[in-house]
Protein backbone atom coordinates (compact mmCIF):
# COMPACT_ATOMS: atom_id res chain seq x y z
CA MET A 1 60.09 19.52 -35.87
CA ILE A 2 58.50 16.16 -36.27
CA ALA A 3 55.71 15.27 -33.92
CA MET A 4 56.25 12.05 -32.20
CA ARG A 5 53.33 9.71 -32.50
CA ARG A 6 52.49 7.58 -29.56
CA PRO A 7 52.08 3.91 -30.13
CA LEU A 8 48.56 2.80 -30.84
CA SER A 9 48.41 0.52 -27.81
CA LEU A 10 49.18 3.44 -25.47
CA ARG A 11 46.43 5.58 -27.00
CA ALA A 12 43.96 2.70 -26.79
CA HIS A 13 44.92 2.17 -23.17
CA ARG A 14 44.25 5.83 -22.36
CA VAL A 15 40.91 5.79 -24.20
CA GLY A 16 39.96 2.62 -22.33
CA ALA A 17 40.90 4.24 -19.02
CA LEU A 18 38.85 7.31 -19.90
CA ILE A 19 35.81 5.16 -20.71
CA ARG A 20 36.19 3.20 -17.47
CA ARG A 21 36.48 6.43 -15.47
CA MET A 22 33.37 7.84 -17.13
CA ARG A 23 31.47 4.64 -16.31
CA ARG A 24 32.50 4.83 -12.66
CA GLU A 25 31.48 8.47 -12.50
CA ARG A 26 28.11 7.70 -14.09
CA SER A 27 27.41 4.84 -11.71
CA ALA A 28 28.43 7.03 -8.79
CA LEU A 29 26.13 9.76 -10.09
CA ALA A 30 23.28 7.27 -10.45
CA ALA A 31 23.86 6.07 -6.88
CA LEU A 32 23.82 9.67 -5.65
CA GLU A 33 20.61 10.42 -7.57
CA PHE A 34 18.98 7.29 -6.15
CA ALA A 35 20.05 8.24 -2.62
CA LEU A 36 18.44 11.64 -3.06
CA VAL A 37 15.21 10.34 -4.61
CA ALA A 38 14.74 7.16 -2.51
CA PRO A 39 13.29 8.91 0.59
CA LEU A 40 10.74 10.72 -1.55
CA LEU A 41 9.76 7.53 -3.37
CA SER A 42 9.50 5.66 -0.06
CA ALA A 43 7.27 8.36 1.43
CA LEU A 44 5.02 8.26 -1.63
CA LEU A 45 4.76 4.47 -1.49
CA ILE A 46 4.09 4.37 2.25
CA GLY A 47 1.62 7.25 1.97
CA SER A 48 -0.24 5.48 -0.80
CA VAL A 49 -0.66 2.40 1.42
CA ASP A 50 -2.23 4.53 4.18
CA ALA A 51 -4.38 6.38 1.64
CA ALA A 52 -5.63 3.07 0.25
CA GLN A 53 -6.50 1.84 3.75
CA LEU A 54 -8.34 5.11 4.46
CA PHE A 55 -10.28 4.81 1.20
CA LEU A 56 -11.19 1.18 1.93
CA ALA A 57 -12.38 2.01 5.47
CA GLN A 58 -14.52 4.87 4.09
CA LEU A 59 -16.04 2.53 1.48
CA ARG A 60 -16.84 -0.11 4.10
CA LEU A 61 -18.44 2.47 6.39
CA SER A 62 -20.51 3.85 3.53
CA ALA A 63 -21.61 0.33 2.56
CA ALA A 64 -22.61 -0.41 6.18
CA VAL A 65 -24.74 2.75 6.43
CA HIS A 66 -26.38 2.06 3.08
CA ALA A 67 -27.12 -1.55 4.09
CA GLY A 68 -28.96 -0.13 7.11
CA ALA A 69 -30.82 2.31 4.86
CA ASP A 70 -31.84 -0.53 2.54
CA TYR A 71 -33.13 -2.48 5.53
CA ALA A 72 -35.18 0.54 6.67
CA LEU A 73 -36.76 0.85 3.21
CA ALA A 74 -37.53 -2.85 3.05
CA ASN A 75 -39.19 -2.69 6.48
CA GLN A 76 -40.96 0.67 6.20
CA SER A 77 -44.15 -0.73 7.74
CA SER A 78 -42.18 -1.12 11.01
CA VAL A 79 -41.86 2.66 11.41
CA SER A 80 -44.50 2.79 14.12
CA ALA A 81 -44.82 3.08 17.87
CA ALA A 82 -45.25 -0.69 18.15
CA ASN A 83 -42.30 -1.78 15.98
CA GLY A 84 -39.95 1.23 15.83
CA ALA A 85 -37.67 0.07 18.66
CA ALA A 86 -37.17 -3.36 17.06
CA LEU A 87 -36.46 -1.72 13.69
CA ALA A 88 -33.87 0.63 15.24
CA ALA A 89 -32.17 -2.30 17.00
CA ALA A 90 -32.06 -4.37 13.80
CA ILE A 91 -30.56 -1.49 11.80
CA ALA A 92 -27.99 -0.81 14.54
CA GLN A 93 -27.03 -4.51 14.48
CA ILE A 94 -26.51 -4.39 10.72
CA VAL A 95 -24.54 -1.14 10.60
CA GLY A 96 -22.42 -1.78 13.68
CA ASN A 97 -21.46 -5.35 12.93
CA ILE A 98 -21.58 -5.85 9.15
CA ASN A 99 -17.77 -5.77 8.89
CA GLY A 100 -17.11 -7.57 12.18
CA VAL A 101 -18.47 -7.36 15.72
CA GLY A 102 -18.28 -3.80 17.01
CA TRP A 103 -16.75 -2.56 13.76
CA ALA A 104 -18.59 0.79 13.80
CA SER A 105 -20.39 2.95 16.33
CA GLY A 106 -23.26 5.36 15.86
CA THR A 107 -26.94 6.13 16.27
CA VAL A 108 -30.16 5.05 14.58
CA VAL A 109 -33.29 7.17 15.05
CA VAL A 110 -36.65 5.92 13.81
CA ASN A 111 -38.86 8.91 13.03
CA ASN A 112 -37.73 11.08 15.97
CA GLY A 113 -38.78 8.30 18.32
CA PRO A 114 -37.08 4.99 19.10
CA THR A 115 -33.31 5.48 19.20
CA VAL A 116 -30.46 3.01 19.43
CA THR A 117 -26.89 4.10 20.12
CA PHE A 118 -24.36 1.38 19.35
CA SER A 119 -20.66 0.99 20.07
CA ASN A 120 -18.19 -1.90 20.48
CA GLY A 121 -20.83 -4.51 19.72
CA SER A 122 -23.35 -3.33 22.32
CA ALA A 123 -26.41 -1.12 21.95
CA VAL A 124 -28.45 1.16 24.20
CA SER A 125 -32.09 1.93 23.40
CA GLY A 126 -33.95 5.14 24.13
CA GLY A 127 -36.37 7.68 22.69
CA SER A 128 -40.13 7.93 22.76
CA ALA A 129 -41.95 5.17 20.89
CA SER A 130 -45.08 7.29 20.36
CA SER A 131 -43.18 9.78 18.18
CA ALA A 132 -42.77 7.10 15.53
CA ASN A 133 -46.46 7.45 14.60
CA ALA A 134 -46.17 11.15 13.68
CA TYR A 135 -44.99 12.77 10.43
CA TYR A 136 -42.11 15.23 10.18
CA CYS A 137 -40.50 17.71 7.82
CA LEU A 138 -36.90 16.62 8.26
CA SER A 139 -34.30 19.27 7.49
CA GLY A 140 -30.67 19.96 8.27
CA SER A 141 -27.60 18.21 6.98
CA PRO A 142 -26.04 14.76 7.46
CA GLY A 143 -25.22 14.21 11.11
CA ALA A 144 -27.16 17.34 12.16
CA TRP A 145 -30.76 16.48 11.29
CA GLU A 146 -33.57 18.71 12.53
CA TRP A 147 -36.94 17.06 13.01
CA GLY A 148 -39.08 20.15 13.47
CA THR A 149 -42.65 19.96 14.72
CA SER A 150 -44.65 16.79 14.23
CA VAL A 151 -47.82 16.79 12.15
CA SER A 152 -50.69 14.33 12.13
CA ASP A 153 -50.57 13.14 8.52
CA ASP A 154 -48.40 13.11 5.43
CA SER A 155 -50.58 15.51 3.42
CA GLU A 156 -49.21 18.60 5.17
CA ALA A 157 -46.65 20.62 3.23
CA CYS A 158 -43.23 21.34 4.66
CA ASP A 159 -42.80 25.12 4.89
CA ASN A 160 -39.03 24.98 5.26
CA ALA A 161 -38.46 23.10 2.01
CA GLY A 162 -40.01 25.63 -0.37
CA ASP A 163 -40.37 22.94 -3.04
CA GLY A 164 -43.79 21.54 -2.18
CA ALA A 165 -42.39 18.62 -0.20
CA LYS A 166 -44.81 16.85 2.11
CA ALA A 167 -44.27 15.61 5.65
CA GLY A 168 -43.17 12.01 6.00
CA LYS A 169 -41.64 9.35 8.20
CA PHE A 170 -37.85 9.06 8.31
CA VAL A 171 -35.07 6.87 9.63
CA THR A 172 -31.70 8.53 10.24
CA ILE A 173 -28.50 6.54 10.52
CA THR A 174 -25.17 7.99 11.60
CA ALA A 175 -22.12 5.77 11.96
CA SER A 176 -18.44 6.33 12.59
CA ARG A 177 -15.30 4.25 12.52
CA ALA A 178 -11.96 5.18 14.07
CA PHE A 179 -9.08 5.34 11.60
CA THR A 180 -5.40 5.46 12.46
CA PRO A 181 -2.82 5.28 9.68
CA SER A 182 -0.90 2.04 10.04
CA ILE A 183 2.43 3.35 8.79
CA LEU A 184 2.55 7.13 8.95
CA SER A 185 1.08 9.14 11.79
CA VAL A 186 -0.43 11.83 9.64
CA GLU A 187 -2.72 14.18 11.53
CA PHE A 188 -5.02 15.03 8.62
CA ALA A 189 -5.87 11.35 8.07
CA SER A 190 -6.28 10.35 11.72
CA GLY A 191 -9.56 10.35 13.59
CA PRO A 192 -13.05 9.02 13.04
CA LEU A 193 -14.61 8.53 9.64
CA THR A 194 -18.31 9.42 9.66
CA GLN A 195 -21.24 8.65 7.37
CA SER A 196 -24.82 9.79 7.86
CA VAL A 197 -28.01 9.24 5.87
CA ALA A 198 -31.71 10.01 6.22
CA VAL A 199 -34.22 7.69 4.56
CA GLN A 200 -37.80 8.75 3.93
CA VAL A 201 -39.76 5.54 4.32
CA GLN A 202 -43.31 6.95 4.05
């Protein structure tokens, strides 16, 4: 029996059809893969935008608090009963409005005495001015400072430190800024951002 050979043009036609079919199947497969991966890629992209905004807000808040701390150090002679209230008000003005009027809210305490609480561009003063003349052994953690008992001068050792630290005069600054993700409503990233610092000025 002699095998019949098909004409070359027919074989080429079938090979061409096979190649075209494989191309269509590959492009369909690529479209399917993209359809499966696109939601994940979109979520990552959108999430990274919110994460970048969160990071930027945290940096701005930190910079505002540290600008207030720098001001306290530069004006350490104002930590007194006579000038403490003005110092607290000036620091609150810097921290609360450095990135726009009413940008942050919080509290400034000058040596357990003059206090300014600021929010939405306005400030409320309080505290006892006479406390600003005393010395303290500040302890605790950011946002939860403990002043302890006042002492008359800075030569007294702080018992709670255990490292030979001496009493001093301090300015504490706590500020917060509300953050809401602009694209995704993610619970772990929503809420206020908070920064707190204590500066020993004397």
